[in-house]
Amino acid sequence: MGTPVPLRINSAAGKTAGAALLLFLLASALSAFPQTKDPKEKPPKEPTVAKLRIEVAGDKGQPIGNASVYIRYPEEHHLLRHSTQTEMNFKTNQDGSVKVPEVHMGKILIQIVVPGWKTYGKWYVIEKEEETIQIKLEKPPHWY
């Protein structure tokens, strides 16, 4: 056996092969990462909102004006993985009604407080873009 003869590669060919190898390794490394979203893909929709009208009346059907109306609903924050409570406060007009311009669809708590009437509170599920909720208040029990 003779002495090994070193293999000589043309320097231009060696650079091309080295660049091709580098591109192959780079492409392999990038394919290991998660793919980015398709730009045509729509972002998640914002929570839909509804217009809400609340009508507050007494036990005999008379409208109750200047009633305090509290609306509460949870808002989830997906990034922080916790929810906060959103609260809105309104007063009814002389007709006993209040218009809530925007409330998130889903489960909401409506509370009504009026001096001389029993405090009211109930959970509702808002499913339509426009809803009217009629609430009848009761007189508080007499204490002797």
Protein backbone atom coordinates (compact mmCIF):
# COMPACT_ATOMS: atom_id res chain seq x y z
CA MET A 1 0.00 0.00 0.00
CA GLY A 2 1.19 3.39 -0.76
CA THR A 3 1.01 6.60 1.14
CA PRO A 4 -2.36 8.30 1.18
CA VAL A 5 -2.78 11.07 -1.30
CA PRO A 6 -4.63 14.12 0.05
CA LEU A 7 -7.81 14.90 -1.82
CA ARG A 8 -7.68 18.37 -3.23
CA ILE A 9 -10.89 20.26 -3.82
CA ASN A 10 -11.16 23.30 -5.95
CA SER A 11 -11.68 26.22 -3.57
CA ALA A 12 -14.74 27.57 -5.48
CA ALA A 13 -16.39 24.16 -5.38
CA GLY A 14 -15.56 23.82 -1.67
CA LYS A 15 -17.17 27.16 -0.88
CA THR A 16 -20.31 26.22 -2.81
CA ALA A 17 -20.57 22.87 -1.01
CA GLY A 18 -19.98 24.55 2.34
CA ALA A 19 -22.66 27.16 1.64
CA ALA A 20 -25.11 24.44 0.58
CA LEU A 21 -24.40 22.50 3.78
CA LEU A 22 -24.89 25.63 5.87
CA LEU A 23 -28.24 26.39 4.17
CA PHE A 24 -29.35 22.79 4.71
CA LEU A 25 -28.52 22.97 8.43
CA LEU A 26 -30.23 26.33 8.80
CA ALA A 27 -33.39 25.08 7.07
CA SER A 28 -33.42 21.99 9.27
CA ALA A 29 -33.08 24.10 12.41
CA LEU A 30 -35.88 26.47 11.38
CA SER A 31 -38.25 23.62 10.58
CA ALA A 32 -37.91 22.43 14.18
CA PHE A 33 -39.62 25.61 15.44
CA PRO A 34 -43.44 25.95 15.33
CA GLN A 35 -44.74 27.44 12.13
CA THR A 36 -46.14 30.97 12.20
CA LYS A 37 -49.84 31.45 11.58
CA ASP A 38 -51.14 31.87 8.09
CA PRO A 39 -51.63 35.60 7.40
CA LYS A 40 -54.99 34.77 5.79
CA GLU A 41 -56.16 33.23 9.05
CA LYS A 42 -58.50 35.57 10.92
CA PRO A 43 -57.65 36.57 14.48
CA PRO A 44 -60.08 35.39 17.15
CA LYS A 45 -63.24 37.46 17.24
CA GLU A 46 -63.73 40.00 19.98
CA PRO A 47 -66.47 39.10 22.44
CA THR A 48 -69.78 40.05 20.90
CA VAL A 49 -71.75 42.73 22.62
CA ALA A 50 -75.45 43.34 23.01
CA LYS A 51 -77.69 46.34 23.58
CA LEU A 52 -79.74 45.82 26.70
CA ARG A 53 -82.85 47.58 27.96
CA ILE A 54 -83.94 47.00 31.54
CA GLU A 55 -87.44 47.97 32.68
CA VAL A 56 -88.02 48.18 36.45
CA ALA A 57 -91.56 48.17 37.82
CA GLY A 58 -93.22 47.80 41.21
CA ASP A 59 -95.44 44.97 42.35
CA LYS A 60 -98.50 46.70 40.87
CA GLY A 61 -96.80 47.45 37.53
CA GLN A 62 -95.94 51.09 38.25
CA PRO A 63 -92.56 52.20 36.77
CA ILE A 64 -89.87 52.89 39.35
CA GLY A 65 -87.66 55.84 38.48
CA ASN A 66 -84.23 56.65 39.92
CA ALA A 67 -83.52 53.01 40.75
CA SER A 68 -79.85 52.00 40.97
CA VAL A 69 -79.07 49.28 38.42
CA TYR A 70 -75.81 47.34 38.75
CA ILE A 71 -74.60 45.02 36.02
CA ARG A 72 -71.67 42.69 36.62
CA TYR A 73 -70.01 40.07 34.45
CA PRO A 74 -66.69 38.26 34.45
CA GLU A 75 -64.09 38.98 31.76
CA GLU A 76 -61.50 36.32 31.09
CA HIS A 77 -57.95 37.28 30.23
CA HIS A 78 -56.49 34.39 28.25
CA LEU A 79 -52.88 35.53 28.50
CA LEU A 80 -52.94 35.91 32.26
CA ARG A 81 -55.34 32.99 32.77
CA HIS A 82 -57.54 34.76 35.26
CA SER A 83 -60.74 36.75 35.11
CA THR A 84 -61.80 40.11 36.45
CA GLN A 85 -65.23 41.39 37.34
CA THR A 86 -66.56 44.23 35.22
CA GLU A 87 -69.23 46.43 36.81
CA MET A 88 -71.49 49.09 35.33
CA ASN A 89 -73.83 51.36 37.29
CA PHE A 90 -76.95 53.10 35.93
CA LYS A 91 -80.08 54.90 37.13
CA THR A 92 -83.53 54.31 35.68
CA ASN A 93 -85.38 57.24 34.11
CA GLN A 94 -88.90 58.34 35.11
CA ASP A 95 -90.36 55.56 32.92
CA GLY A 96 -88.45 53.01 35.03
CA SER A 97 -86.14 51.97 32.20
CA VAL A 98 -82.44 52.18 31.46
CA LYS A 99 -80.58 51.51 28.21
CA VAL A 100 -77.23 49.76 28.50
CA PRO A 101 -75.29 50.58 25.32
CA GLU A 102 -72.90 47.62 25.35
CA VAL A 103 -72.81 44.53 27.52
CA HIS A 104 -70.93 41.32 26.72
CA MET A 105 -73.11 38.44 25.63
CA GLY A 106 -73.20 35.59 28.07
CA LYS A 107 -73.87 35.37 31.77
CA ILE A 108 -74.45 38.67 33.61
CA LEU A 109 -75.68 39.62 37.06
CA ILE A 110 -78.32 42.35 37.35
CA GLN A 111 -78.94 43.94 40.75
CA ILE A 112 -81.53 46.63 41.53
CA VAL A 113 -81.45 48.76 44.68
CA VAL A 114 -84.22 51.26 45.49
CA PRO A 115 -85.12 52.66 48.90
CA GLY A 116 -88.49 51.28 50.03
CA TRP A 117 -88.23 48.15 47.84
CA LYS A 118 -86.70 44.71 48.36
CA THR A 119 -83.20 44.49 46.82
CA TYR A 120 -83.22 42.42 43.63
CA GLY A 121 -80.45 40.30 42.14
CA LYS A 122 -80.50 37.61 39.48
CA TRP A 123 -78.19 36.06 36.86
CA TYR A 124 -79.27 36.30 33.22
CA VAL A 125 -77.84 34.86 30.01
CA ILE A 126 -77.71 37.40 27.18
CA GLU A 127 -77.87 35.65 23.80
CA LYS A 128 -79.34 38.21 21.39
CA GLU A 129 -77.88 41.45 20.04
CA GLU A 130 -80.82 43.41 21.52
CA GLU A 131 -82.73 42.30 24.60
CA THR A 132 -85.27 43.77 26.99
CA ILE A 133 -85.50 42.48 30.54
CA GLN A 134 -88.53 43.33 32.65
CA ILE A 135 -88.05 43.22 36.40
CA LYS A 136 -90.78 43.49 39.03
CA LEU A 137 -89.72 44.53 42.52
CA GLU A 138 -91.44 43.50 45.72
CA LYS A 139 -92.13 45.46 48.87
CA PRO A 140 -89.92 44.39 51.78
CA PRO A 141 -91.50 42.40 54.64
CA HIS A 142 -92.83 44.47 57.52
CA TRP A 143 -90.86 44.29 60.73
CA TYR A 144 -92.65 44.81 64.02
